[in-house]
Amino acid sequence: TSVQGRKIESYTYGTSTKKLVFVGGVHGGYEWNSI
């Protein structure tokens, strides 16, 4: 959760231990298009 208690969510497709992760929104609303 964030400082203000909002959820940081993830969605996982597949069960393999070989995982590729994609992350958006590190800079929040300033880079809203990444979200």
All heavy atoms as atom14 arrays in JSON, in Angstrom:
{
  "sequence": "TSVQGRKIESYTYGTSTKKLVFVGGVHGGYEWNSI",
  "atom14_mask": [
    [1, 1, 1, 1, 1, 1, 1, 0, 0, 0, 0, 0, 0, 0],
    [1, 1, 1, 1, 1, 1, 0, 0, 0, 0, 0, 0, 0, 0],
    [1, 1, 1, 1, 1, 1, 1, 0, 0, 0, 0, 0, 0, 0],
    [1, 1, 1, 1, 1, 1, 1, 1, 1, 0, 0, 0, 0, 0],
    [1, 1, 1, 1, 0, 0, 0, 0, 0, 0, 0, 0, 0, 0],
    [1, 1, 1, 1, 1, 1, 1, 1, 1, 1, 1, 0, 0, 0],
    [1, 1, 1, 1, 1, 1, 1, 1, 1, 0, 0, 0, 0, 0],
    [1, 1, 1, 1, 1, 1, 1, 1, 0, 0, 0, 0, 0, 0],
    [1, 1, 1, 1, 1, 1, 1, 1, 1, 0, 0, 0, 0, 0],
    [1, 1, 1, 1, 1, 1, 0, 0, 0, 0, 0, 0, 0, 0],
    [1, 1, 1, 1, 1, 1, 1, 1, 1, 1, 1, 1, 0, 0],
    [1, 1, 1, 1, 1, 1, 1, 0, 0, 0, 0, 0, 0, 0],
    [1, 1, 1, 1, 1, 1, 1, 1, 1, 1, 1, 1, 0, 0],
    [1, 1, 1, 1, 0, 0, 0, 0, 0, 0, 0, 0, 0, 0],
    [1, 1, 1, 1, 1, 1, 1, 0, 0, 0, 0, 0, 0, 0],
    [1, 1, 1, 1, 1, 1, 0, 0, 0, 0, 0, 0, 0, 0],
    [1, 1, 1, 1, 1, 1, 1, 0, 0, 0, 0, 0, 0, 0],
    [1, 1, 1, 1, 1, 1, 1, 1, 1, 0, 0, 0, 0, 0],
    [1, 1, 1, 1, 1, 1, 1, 1, 1, 0, 0, 0, 0, 0],
    [1, 1, 1, 1, 1, 1, 1, 1, 0, 0, 0, 0, 0, 0],
    [1, 1, 1, 1, 1, 1, 1, 0, 0, 0, 0, 0, 0, 0],
    [1, 1, 1, 1, 1, 1, 1, 1, 1, 1, 1, 0, 0, 0],
    [1, 1, 1, 1, 1, 1, 1, 0, 0, 0, 0, 0, 0, 0],
    [1, 1, 1, 1, 0, 0, 0, 0, 0, 0, 0, 0, 0, 0],
    [1, 1, 1, 1, 0, 0, 0, 0, 0, 0, 0, 0, 0, 0],
    [1, 1, 1, 1, 1, 1, 1, 0, 0, 0, 0, 0, 0, 0],
    [1, 1, 1, 1, 1, 1, 1, 1, 1, 1, 0, 0, 0, 0],
    [1, 1, 1, 1, 0, 0, 0, 0, 0, 0, 0, 0, 0, 0],
    [1, 1, 1, 1, 0, 0, 0, 0, 0, 0, 0, 0, 0, 0],
    [1, 1, 1, 1, 1, 1, 1, 1, 1, 1, 1, 1, 0, 0],
    [1, 1, 1, 1, 1, 1, 1, 1, 1, 0, 0, 0, 0, 0],
    [1, 1, 1, 1, 1, 1, 1, 1, 1, 1, 1, 1, 1, 1],
    [1, 1, 1, 1, 1, 1, 1, 1, 0, 0, 0, 0, 0, 0],
    [1, 1, 1, 1, 1, 1, 0, 0, 0, 0, 0, 0, 0, 0],
    [1, 1, 1, 1, 1, 1, 1, 1, 0, 0, 0, 0, 0, 0]
  ],
  "atom14_positions": [
    [[0.84, -1.19, 0.0], [0.0, 0.0, 0.0], [0.88, 1.25, 0.0], [2.04, 1.22, 0.39], [-0.94, 0.03, 1.22], [-0.17, -0.12, 2.41], [-1.97, -1.08, 1.15], [0.0, 0.0, 0.0], [0.0, 0.0, 0.0], [0.0, 0.0, 0.0], [0.0, 0.0, 0.0], [0.0, 0.0, 0.0], [0.0, 0.0, 0.0], [0.0, 0.0, 0.0]],
    [[0.27, 2.34, -0.42], [0.97, 3.61, -0.51], [1.0, 4.31, 0.84], [0.45, 3.82, 1.83], [0.26, 4.49, -1.53], [-1.04, 4.82, -1.05], [0.0, 0.0, 0.0], [0.0, 0.0, 0.0], [0.0, 0.0, 0.0], [0.0, 0.0, 0.0], [0.0, 0.0, 0.0], [0.0, 0.0, 0.0], [0.0, 0.0, 0.0], [0.0, 0.0, 0.0]],
    [[1.62, 5.47, 0.88], [1.66, 6.28, 2.1], [0.25, 6.52, 2.62], [-0.01, 6.43, 3.83], [2.37, 7.63, 1.83], [2.23, 8.56, 3.04], [3.84, 7.41, 1.5], [0.0, 0.0, 0.0], [0.0, 0.0, 0.0], [0.0, 0.0, 0.0], [0.0, 0.0, 0.0], [0.0, 0.0, 0.0], [0.0, 0.0, 0.0], [0.0, 0.0, 0.0]],
    [[-0.68, 6.8, 1.73], [-2.06, 7.1, 2.12], [-2.96, 5.87, 2.12], [-4.18, 6.0, 2.22], [-2.62, 8.18, 1.19], [-1.88, 9.51, 1.34], [-2.39, 10.59, 0.4], [-2.99, 10.3, -0.63], [-2.14, 11.85, 0.75], [0.0, 0.0, 0.0], [0.0, 0.0, 0.0], [0.0, 0.0, 0.0], [0.0, 0.0, 0.0], [0.0, 0.0, 0.0]],
    [[-2.36, 4.7, 2.02], [-3.12, 3.45, 2.16], [-3.78, 2.93, 0.9], [-4.61, 2.01, 0.98], [0.0, 0.0, 0.0], [0.0, 0.0, 0.0], [0.0, 0.0, 0.0], [0.0, 0.0, 0.0], [0.0, 0.0, 0.0], [0.0, 0.0, 0.0], [0.0, 0.0, 0.0], [0.0, 0.0, 0.0], [0.0, 0.0, 0.0], [0.0, 0.0, 0.0]],
    [[-3.41, 3.46, -0.25], [-3.99, 2.95, -1.5], [-3.26, 1.69, -1.94], [-2.06, 1.54, -1.73], [-3.95, 4.04, -2.58], [-4.81, 5.23, -2.24], [-4.88, 6.26, -3.36], [-5.86, 7.29, -3.02], [-5.56, 8.41, -2.37], [-4.3, 8.66, -2.01], [-6.51, 9.27, -2.08], [0.0, 0.0, 0.0], [0.0, 0.0, 0.0], [0.0, 0.0, 0.0]],
    [[-4.0, 0.82, -2.63], [-3.46, -0.48, -3.01], [-2.48, -0.38, -4.17], [-2.71, 0.36, -5.13], [-4.6, -1.43, -3.41], [-5.58, -1.74, -2.3], [-6.74, -2.57, -2.84], [-7.77, -2.86, -1.77], [-8.93, -3.62, -2.32], [0.0, 0.0, 0.0], [0.0, 0.0, 0.0], [0.0, 0.0, 0.0], [0.0, 0.0, 0.0], [0.0, 0.0, 0.0]],
    [[-1.41, -1.15, -4.08], [-0.49, -1.35, -5.21], [-0.78, -2.75, -5.72], [-0.51, -3.74, -5.02], [0.98, -1.2, -4.79], [1.21, 0.2, -4.2], [1.9, -1.45, -5.98], [2.58, 0.36, -3.56], [0.0, 0.0, 0.0], [0.0, 0.0, 0.0], [0.0, 0.0, 0.0], [0.0, 0.0, 0.0], [0.0, 0.0, 0.0], [0.0, 0.0, 0.0]],
    [[-1.36, -2.83, -6.91], [-1.93, -4.08, -7.4], [-1.05, -4.74, -8.45], [-0.33, -4.06, -9.19], [-3.32, -3.8, -7.99], [-4.26, -3.16, -6.97], [-5.53, -2.63, -7.59], [-5.44, -1.91, -8.59], [-6.63, -2.93, -7.06], [0.0, 0.0, 0.0], [0.0, 0.0, 0.0], [0.0, 0.0, 0.0], [0.0, 0.0, 0.0], [0.0, 0.0, 0.0]],
    [[-1.14, -6.06, -8.51], [-0.43, -6.8, -9.55], [-1.36, -7.83, -10.16], [-2.31, -8.31, -9.51], [0.81, -7.5, -8.98], [0.45, -8.6, -8.17], [0.0, 0.0, 0.0], [0.0, 0.0, 0.0], [0.0, 0.0, 0.0], [0.0, 0.0, 0.0], [0.0, 0.0, 0.0], [0.0, 0.0, 0.0], [0.0, 0.0, 0.0], [0.0, 0.0, 0.0]],
    [[-1.08, -8.18, -11.42], [-1.85, -9.18, -12.16], [-0.85, -10.15, -12.78], [0.01, -9.75, -13.56], [-2.7, -8.51, -13.25], [-3.68, -7.51, -12.7], [-3.3, -6.18, -12.47], [-4.98, -7.88, -12.38], [-4.2, -5.26, -11.95], [-5.88, -6.96, -11.87], [-5.49, -5.65, -11.64], [-6.38, -4.74, -11.13], [0.0, 0.0, 0.0], [0.0, 0.0, 0.0]],
    [[-0.97, -11.42, -12.42], [0.0, -12.43, -12.86], [-0.67, -13.42, -13.81], [-1.72, -13.99, -13.49], [0.59, -13.2, -11.66], [1.23, -12.26, -10.79], [1.62, -14.23, -12.12], [0.0, 0.0, 0.0], [0.0, 0.0, 0.0], [0.0, 0.0, 0.0], [0.0, 0.0, 0.0], [0.0, 0.0, 0.0], [0.0, 0.0, 0.0], [0.0, 0.0, 0.0]],
    [[-0.04, -13.61, -14.95], [-0.52, -14.54, -15.98], [0.46, -15.7, -16.07], [1.63, -15.51, -16.4], [-0.63, -13.84, -17.33], [-1.59, -12.68, -17.32], [-1.18, -11.42, -16.87], [-2.9, -12.83, -17.75], [-2.07, -10.36, -16.84], [-3.79, -11.77, -17.73], [-3.37, -10.53, -17.26], [-4.25, -9.48, -17.23], [0.0, 0.0, 0.0], [0.0, 0.0, 0.0]],
    [[-0.02, -16.89, -15.76], [0.84, -18.07, -15.83], [1.44, -18.42, -14.48], [1.42, -17.63, -13.53], [0.0, 0.0, 0.0], [0.0, 0.0, 0.0], [0.0, 0.0, 0.0], [0.0, 0.0, 0.0], [0.0, 0.0, 0.0], [0.0, 0.0, 0.0], [0.0, 0.0, 0.0], [0.0, 0.0, 0.0], [0.0, 0.0, 0.0], [0.0, 0.0, 0.0]],
    [[1.99, -19.62, -14.41], [2.54, -20.13, -13.15], [4.03, -20.46, -13.22], [4.59, -20.99, -12.28], [1.78, -21.39, -12.71], [1.88, -22.4, -13.74], [0.31, -21.08, -12.45], [0.0, 0.0, 0.0], [0.0, 0.0, 0.0], [0.0, 0.0, 0.0], [0.0, 0.0, 0.0], [0.0, 0.0, 0.0], [0.0, 0.0, 0.0], [0.0, 0.0, 0.0]],
    [[4.65, -20.15, -14.33], [6.07, -20.46, -14.49], [6.92, -19.63, -13.53], [6.59, -18.48, -13.21], [6.52, -20.22, -15.92], [7.92, -20.37, -16.04], [0.0, 0.0, 0.0], [0.0, 0.0, 0.0], [0.0, 0.0, 0.0], [0.0, 0.0, 0.0], [0.0, 0.0, 0.0], [0.0, 0.0, 0.0], [0.0, 0.0, 0.0], [0.0, 0.0, 0.0]],
    [[8.02, -20.2, -13.09], [8.96, -19.44, -12.25], [9.77, -18.46, -13.08], [10.42, -17.57, -12.52], [9.9, -20.39, -11.52], [10.58, -21.23, -12.47], [9.14, -21.28, -10.54], [0.0, 0.0, 0.0], [0.0, 0.0, 0.0], [0.0, 0.0, 0.0], [0.0, 0.0, 0.0], [0.0, 0.0, 0.0], [0.0, 0.0, 0.0], [0.0, 0.0, 0.0]],
    [[9.74, -18.6, -14.4], [10.41, -17.63, -15.28], [9.42, -16.48, -15.5], [8.46, -16.61, -16.22], [10.79, -18.27, -16.61], [11.6, -17.34, -17.53], [11.7, -17.89, -18.94], [12.49, -19.18, -19.01], [12.65, -19.64, -20.43], [0.0, 0.0, 0.0], [0.0, 0.0, 0.0], [0.0, 0.0, 0.0], [0.0, 0.0, 0.0], [0.0, 0.0, 0.0]],
    [[9.67, -15.36, -14.83], [8.7, -14.26, -14.81], [9.27, -13.01, -15.47], [10.43, -12.64, -15.25], [8.29, -13.93, -13.38], [7.39, -14.97, -12.73], [6.94, -14.53, -11.35], [5.85, -15.44, -10.82], [6.29, -16.83, -10.67], [0.0, 0.0, 0.0], [0.0, 0.0, 0.0], [0.0, 0.0, 0.0], [0.0, 0.0, 0.0], [0.0, 0.0, 0.0]],
    [[8.41, -12.35, -16.24], [8.72, -11.08, -16.87], [7.74, -10.06, -16.3], [6.52, -10.25, -16.37], [8.56, -11.2, -18.38], [8.8, -9.96, -19.24], [10.19, -9.4, -19.02], [8.58, -10.3, -20.71], [0.0, 0.0, 0.0], [0.0, 0.0, 0.0], [0.0, 0.0, 0.0], [0.0, 0.0, 0.0], [0.0, 0.0, 0.0], [0.0, 0.0, 0.0]],
    [[8.26, -8.99, -15.71], [7.44, -8.03, -14.98], [7.4, -6.69, -15.72], [8.43, -6.19, -16.18], [7.99, -7.82, -13.55], [7.15, -6.79, -12.79], [8.03, -9.14, -12.79], [0.0, 0.0, 0.0], [0.0, 0.0, 0.0], [0.0, 0.0, 0.0], [0.0, 0.0, 0.0], [0.0, 0.0, 0.0], [0.0, 0.0, 0.0], [0.0, 0.0, 0.0]],
    [[6.2, -6.11, -15.82], [6.0, -4.79, -16.43], [5.42, -3.86, -15.37], [4.43, -4.2, -14.71], [5.06, -4.88, -17.62], [5.6, -5.67, -18.78], [5.5, -7.06, -18.81], [6.24, -5.03, -19.85], [6.01, -7.79, -19.88], [6.74, -5.76, -20.91], [6.63, -7.14, -20.93], [0.0, 0.0, 0.0], [0.0, 0.0, 0.0], [0.0, 0.0, 0.0]],
    [[6.02, -2.67, -15.23], [5.62, -1.74, -14.17], [5.31, -0.37, -14.76], [6.11, 0.19, -15.52], [6.74, -1.59, -13.11], [6.27, -0.68, -11.97], [7.18, -2.94, -12.58], [0.0, 0.0, 0.0], [0.0, 0.0, 0.0], [0.0, 0.0, 0.0], [0.0, 0.0, 0.0], [0.0, 0.0, 0.0], [0.0, 0.0, 0.0], [0.0, 0.0, 0.0]],
    [[4.17, 0.18, -14.41], [3.81, 1.54, -14.81], [3.65, 2.44, -13.6], [3.64, 1.97, -12.46], [0.0, 0.0, 0.0], [0.0, 0.0, 0.0], [0.0, 0.0, 0.0], [0.0, 0.0, 0.0], [0.0, 0.0, 0.0], [0.0, 0.0, 0.0], [0.0, 0.0, 0.0], [0.0, 0.0, 0.0], [0.0, 0.0, 0.0], [0.0, 0.0, 0.0]],
    [[3.53, 3.72, -13.84], [3.13, 4.66, -12.8], [4.12, 4.92, -11.68], [3.71, 5.35, -10.61], [0.0, 0.0, 0.0], [0.0, 0.0, 0.0], [0.0, 0.0, 0.0], [0.0, 0.0, 0.0], [0.0, 0.0, 0.0], [0.0, 0.0, 0.0], [0.0, 0.0, 0.0], [0.0, 0.0, 0.0], [0.0, 0.0, 0.0], [0.0, 0.0, 0.0]],
    [[5.41, 4.68, -11.9], [6.37, 4.99, -10.84], [6.28, 6.46, -10.47], [6.42, 6.83, -9.31], [7.81, 4.62, -11.29], [8.82, 5.04, -10.23], [7.92, 3.13, -11.57], [0.0, 0.0, 0.0], [0.0, 0.0, 0.0], [0.0, 0.0, 0.0], [0.0, 0.0, 0.0], [0.0, 0.0, 0.0], [0.0, 0.0, 0.0], [0.0, 0.0, 0.0]],
    [[6.0, 7.29, -11.47], [5.86, 8.72, -11.23], [4.4, 9.17, -11.27], [4.08, 10.31, -11.61], [6.7, 9.51, -12.23], [8.17, 9.39, -11.95], [9.12, 9.25, -12.95], [8.86, 9.36, -10.78], [10.32, 9.15, -12.4], [10.19, 9.21, -11.1], [0.0, 0.0, 0.0], [0.0, 0.0, 0.0], [0.0, 0.0, 0.0], [0.0, 0.0, 0.0]],
    [[3.51, 8.25, -10.9], [2.12, 8.58, -10.62], [1.42, 9.36, -11.71], [1.53, 9.08, -12.9], [0.0, 0.0, 0.0], [0.0, 0.0, 0.0], [0.0, 0.0, 0.0], [0.0, 0.0, 0.0], [0.0, 0.0, 0.0], [0.0, 0.0, 0.0], [0.0, 0.0, 0.0], [0.0, 0.0, 0.0], [0.0, 0.0, 0.0], [0.0, 0.0, 0.0]],
    [[0.7, 10.39, -11.29], [-0.11, 11.17, -12.22], [0.69, 12.0, -13.19], [0.19, 12.38, -14.25], [0.0, 0.0, 0.0], [0.0, 0.0, 0.0], [0.0, 0.0, 0.0], [0.0, 0.0, 0.0], [0.0, 0.0, 0.0], [0.0, 0.0, 0.0], [0.0, 0.0, 0.0], [0.0, 0.0, 0.0], [0.0, 0.0, 0.0], [0.0, 0.0, 0.0]],
    [[1.94, 12.31, -12.85], [2.78, 13.06, -13.77], [3.02, 12.26, -15.05], [3.15, 12.83, -16.13], [4.11, 13.39, -13.08], [5.08, 14.13, -13.97], [4.82, 15.43, -14.4], [6.27, 13.53, -14.37], [5.71, 16.11, -15.21], [7.17, 14.2, -15.19], [6.88, 15.5, -15.6], [7.77, 16.16, -16.42], [0.0, 0.0, 0.0], [0.0, 0.0, 0.0]],
    [[3.09, 10.94, -14.92], [3.25, 10.06, -16.07], [2.05, 9.11, -16.16], [2.19, 7.89, -16.24], [4.57, 9.29, -15.97], [5.79, 10.22, -16.04], [7.12, 9.5, -15.94], [7.13, 8.26, -15.73], [8.16, 10.17, -16.07], [0.0, 0.0, 0.0], [0.0, 0.0, 0.0], [0.0, 0.0, 0.0], [0.0, 0.0, 0.0], [0.0, 0.0, 0.0]],
    [[0.86, 9.71, -16.14], [-0.38, 8.93, -16.13], [-0.49, 8.03, -17.36], [-1.14, 6.99, -17.31], [-1.6, 9.85, -16.05], [-1.68, 10.86, -17.16], [-1.22, 12.14, -17.14], [-2.24, 10.66, -18.45], [-1.45, 12.76, -18.35], [-2.08, 11.87, -19.17], [-2.86, 9.58, -19.09], [-2.51, 12.02, -20.49], [-3.3, 9.74, -20.41], [-3.12, 10.94, -21.09]],
    [[0.14, 8.44, -18.48], [0.03, 7.61, -19.69], [0.72, 6.26, -19.52], [0.33, 5.27, -20.14], [0.56, 8.34, -20.92], [1.99, 8.85, -20.77], [2.48, 9.04, -19.65], [2.64, 9.11, -21.87], [0.0, 0.0, 0.0], [0.0, 0.0, 0.0], [0.0, 0.0, 0.0], [0.0, 0.0, 0.0], [0.0, 0.0, 0.0], [0.0, 0.0, 0.0]],
    [[1.73, 6.19, -18.65], [2.37, 4.89, -18.39], [1.43, 3.95, -17.64], [1.5, 2.73, -17.79], [3.67, 5.08, -17.6], [3.42, 5.49, -16.27], [0.0, 0.0, 0.0], [0.0, 0.0, 0.0], [0.0, 0.0, 0.0], [0.0, 0.0, 0.0], [0.0, 0.0, 0.0], [0.0, 0.0, 0.0], [0.0, 0.0, 0.0], [0.0, 0.0, 0.0]],
    [[0.52, 4.54, -16.85], [-0.47, 3.73, -16.13], [-1.51, 3.19, -17.1], [-1.86, 2.0, -17.08], [-1.14, 4.55, -15.01], [-0.09, 5.09, -14.04], [-2.18, 3.7, -14.27], [-0.65, 6.09, -13.04], [0.0, 0.0, 0.0], [0.0, 0.0, 0.0], [0.0, 0.0, 0.0], [0.0, 0.0, 0.0], [0.0, 0.0, 0.0], [0.0, 0.0, 0.0]]
  ]
}
